[in-house]
Amino acid sequence: MEIRVQSIHFNATEKLQAFIEKKVGKFAKSCEDGKAEVVLKVVKPETAMNKEVQIRLSLPGGSLQAEKVCDTFEEGVDQCCEALQRQVEKFKEKQRAK
């Protein structure tokens, strides 16, 4: 699975990128030939809940997306991955039903 990380209004650290690769990489088991695009954005630098995380999975036969706003990027990536996991399960059930 190809994972592309894009950070807007800041530079993502190696540690953050490794965390994202680890979390999003888990989807590679269920969808080998898909692509993941992760967009990290700082909305308003001086406020709480200012980190926006958006993850798009492009799978054969469709695409899935999750978007969360949190205090930290790690928390946002965790929440997006949980939401996407549920979406992937539903998507696979629909694919099997066809």
C-alpha atoms as a PDB file:
ATOM      1  CA  MET A   1       0.000   0.000   0.000  1.00  0.00           C
ATOM      2  CA  GLU A   2       1.288   3.422  -0.953  1.00  0.00           C
ATOM      3  CA  ILE A   3       1.009   6.014   1.844  1.00  0.00           C
ATOM      4  CA  ARG A   4       1.433   9.716   1.088  1.00  0.00           C
ATOM      5  CA  VAL A   5       1.670  12.223   3.952  1.00  0.00           C
ATOM      6  CA  GLN A   6       1.049  15.903   3.279  1.00  0.00           C
ATOM      7  CA  SER A   7       1.495  18.512   6.030  1.00  0.00           C
ATOM      8  CA  ILE A   8       0.024  21.987   5.598  1.00  0.00           C
ATOM      9  CA  HIS A   9       1.296  25.056   7.548  1.00  0.00           C
ATOM     10  CA  PHE A  10       4.024  23.043   9.355  1.00  0.00           C
ATOM     11  CA  ASN A  11       6.696  20.382   8.829  1.00  0.00           C
ATOM     12  CA  ALA A  12       5.864  16.885  10.076  1.00  0.00           C
ATOM     13  CA  THR A  13       8.569  15.283  12.213  1.00  0.00           C
ATOM     14  CA  GLU A  14      10.088  11.889  11.443  1.00  0.00           C
ATOM     15  CA  LYS A  15       8.459  10.511  14.593  1.00  0.00           C
ATOM     16  CA  LEU A  16       5.001  11.681  13.475  1.00  0.00           C
ATOM     17  CA  GLN A  17       5.507  10.271   9.981  1.00  0.00           C
ATOM     18  CA  ALA A  18       6.628   6.918  11.416  1.00  0.00           C
ATOM     19  CA  PHE A  19       3.526   6.860  13.642  1.00  0.00           C
ATOM     20  CA  ILE A  20       1.279   7.525  10.630  1.00  0.00           C
ATOM     21  CA  GLU A  21       3.034   4.850   8.535  1.00  0.00           C
ATOM     22  CA  LYS A  22       2.537   2.330  11.351  1.00  0.00           C
ATOM     23  CA  LYS A  23      -1.157   3.132  11.932  1.00  0.00           C
ATOM     24  CA  VAL A  24      -2.230   3.504   8.294  1.00  0.00           C
ATOM     25  CA  GLY A  25      -0.016   0.591   7.274  1.00  0.00           C
ATOM     26  CA  LYS A  26      -2.383  -1.747   9.132  1.00  0.00           C
ATOM     27  CA  PHE A  27      -4.887  -1.229   6.312  1.00  0.00           C
ATOM     28  CA  ALA A  28      -2.384  -2.812   3.912  1.00  0.00           C
ATOM     29  CA  LYS A  29      -3.374  -6.252   5.222  1.00  0.00           C
ATOM     30  CA  SER A  30      -6.998  -5.798   4.195  1.00  0.00           C
ATOM     31  CA  CYS A  31      -6.462  -3.783   1.013  1.00  0.00           C
ATOM     32  CA  GLU A  32      -3.067  -4.521  -0.529  1.00  0.00           C
ATOM     33  CA  ASP A  33      -3.446  -2.628  -3.809  1.00  0.00           C
ATOM     34  CA  GLY A  34      -4.908   0.553  -2.339  1.00  0.00           C
ATOM     35  CA  LYS A  35      -3.462   3.995  -1.731  1.00  0.00           C
ATOM     36  CA  ALA A  36      -3.662   6.146   1.388  1.00  0.00           C
ATOM     37  CA  GLU A  37      -3.417   9.916   1.435  1.00  0.00           C
ATOM     38  CA  VAL A  38      -2.971  11.599   4.822  1.00  0.00           C
ATOM     39  CA  VAL A  39      -3.415  15.379   5.085  1.00  0.00           C
ATOM     40  CA  LEU A  40      -2.313  17.094   8.302  1.00  0.00           C
ATOM     41  CA  LYS A  41      -3.289  20.718   8.845  1.00  0.00           C
ATOM     42  CA  VAL A  42      -2.902  23.240  11.674  1.00  0.00           C
ATOM     43  CA  VAL A  43      -6.113  25.285  11.617  1.00  0.00           C
ATOM     44  CA  LYS A  44      -5.627  28.081  14.183  1.00  0.00           C
ATOM     45  CA  PRO A  45      -2.187  27.838  15.830  1.00  0.00           C
ATOM     46  CA  GLU A  46      -3.052  29.453  19.199  1.00  0.00           C
ATOM     47  CA  THR A  47      -6.232  27.521  20.007  1.00  0.00           C
ATOM     48  CA  ALA A  48      -7.049  24.095  21.425  1.00  0.00           C
ATOM     49  CA  MET A  49      -8.425  21.428  19.088  1.00  0.00           C
ATOM     50  CA  ASN A  50      -6.508  22.921  16.160  1.00  0.00           C
ATOM     51  CA  LYS A  51      -5.032  19.841  14.473  1.00  0.00           C
ATOM     52  CA  GLU A  52      -7.040  18.570  11.514  1.00  0.00           C
ATOM     53  CA  VAL A  53      -6.349  15.078  10.158  1.00  0.00           C
ATOM     54  CA  GLN A  54      -7.870  13.763   6.955  1.00  0.00           C
ATOM     55  CA  ILE A  55      -7.220  10.248   5.654  1.00  0.00           C
ATOM     56  CA  ARG A  56      -8.412   9.056   2.245  1.00  0.00           C
ATOM     57  CA  LEU A  57      -8.182   5.400   1.245  1.00  0.00           C
ATOM     58  CA  SER A  58      -8.441   4.679  -2.473  1.00  0.00           C
ATOM     59  CA  LEU A  59      -9.433   1.060  -2.934  1.00  0.00           C
ATOM     60  CA  PRO A  60     -10.308  -0.911  -6.034  1.00  0.00           C
ATOM     61  CA  GLY A  61     -14.018  -0.250  -6.439  1.00  0.00           C
ATOM     62  CA  GLY A  62     -14.293   2.870  -4.302  1.00  0.00           C
ATOM     63  CA  SER A  63     -12.742   5.260  -1.835  1.00  0.00           C
ATOM     64  CA  LEU A  64     -13.213   5.886   1.878  1.00  0.00           C
ATOM     65  CA  GLN A  65     -12.495   9.005   3.915  1.00  0.00           C
ATOM     66  CA  ALA A  66     -12.315  10.101   7.545  1.00  0.00           C
ATOM     67  CA  GLU A  67     -11.668  13.574   8.933  1.00  0.00           C
ATOM     68  CA  LYS A  68     -11.132  14.551  12.578  1.00  0.00           C
ATOM     69  CA  VAL A  69     -10.086  17.671  14.514  1.00  0.00           C
ATOM     70  CA  CYS A  70      -8.170  17.033  17.759  1.00  0.00           C
ATOM     71  CA  ASP A  71      -5.552  18.426  20.162  1.00  0.00           C
ATOM     72  CA  THR A  72      -2.736  16.281  18.722  1.00  0.00           C
ATOM     73  CA  PHE A  73      -2.086  14.725  15.336  1.00  0.00           C
ATOM     74  CA  GLU A  74      -1.551  11.315  16.934  1.00  0.00           C
ATOM     75  CA  GLU A  75      -5.013  11.422  18.519  1.00  0.00           C
ATOM     76  CA  GLY A  76      -6.523  12.492  15.182  1.00  0.00           C
ATOM     77  CA  VAL A  77      -4.797   9.700  13.281  1.00  0.00           C
ATOM     78  CA  ASP A  78      -6.026   7.160  15.877  1.00  0.00           C
ATOM     79  CA  GLN A  79      -9.619   8.357  15.569  1.00  0.00           C
ATOM     80  CA  CYS A  80      -9.497   8.441  11.761  1.00  0.00           C
ATOM     81  CA  CYS A  81      -8.086   4.913  11.642  1.00  0.00           C
ATOM     82  CA  GLU A  82     -10.849   3.633  13.936  1.00  0.00           C
ATOM     83  CA  ALA A  83     -13.502   5.239  11.723  1.00  0.00           C
ATOM     84  CA  LEU A  84     -11.870   3.903   8.563  1.00  0.00           C
ATOM     85  CA  GLN A  85     -11.639   0.402  10.021  1.00  0.00           C
ATOM     86  CA  ARG A  86     -15.426   0.338  10.406  1.00  0.00           C
ATOM     87  CA  GLN A  87     -15.839   1.736   6.880  1.00  0.00           C
ATOM     88  CA  VAL A  88     -13.498  -0.899   5.410  1.00  0.00           C
ATOM     89  CA  GLU A  89     -15.472  -3.692   7.106  1.00  0.00           C
ATOM     90  CA  LYS A  90     -18.766  -2.371   5.682  1.00  0.00           C
ATOM     91  CA  PHE A  91     -17.168  -1.865   2.262  1.00  0.00           C
ATOM     92  CA  LYS A  92     -15.883  -5.464   2.203  1.00  0.00           C
ATOM     93  CA  GLU A  93     -19.299  -6.808   3.251  1.00  0.00           C
ATOM     94  CA  LYS A  94     -20.906  -4.946   0.346  1.00  0.00           C
ATOM     95  CA  GLN A  95     -18.246  -6.285  -2.042  1.00  0.00           C
ATOM     96  CA  ARG A  96     -18.902  -9.862  -0.902  1.00  0.00           C
ATOM     97  CA  ALA A  97     -22.669  -9.418  -1.305  1.00  0.00           C
ATOM     98  CA  LYS A  98     -22.285  -8.553  -5.001  1.00  0.00           C
END
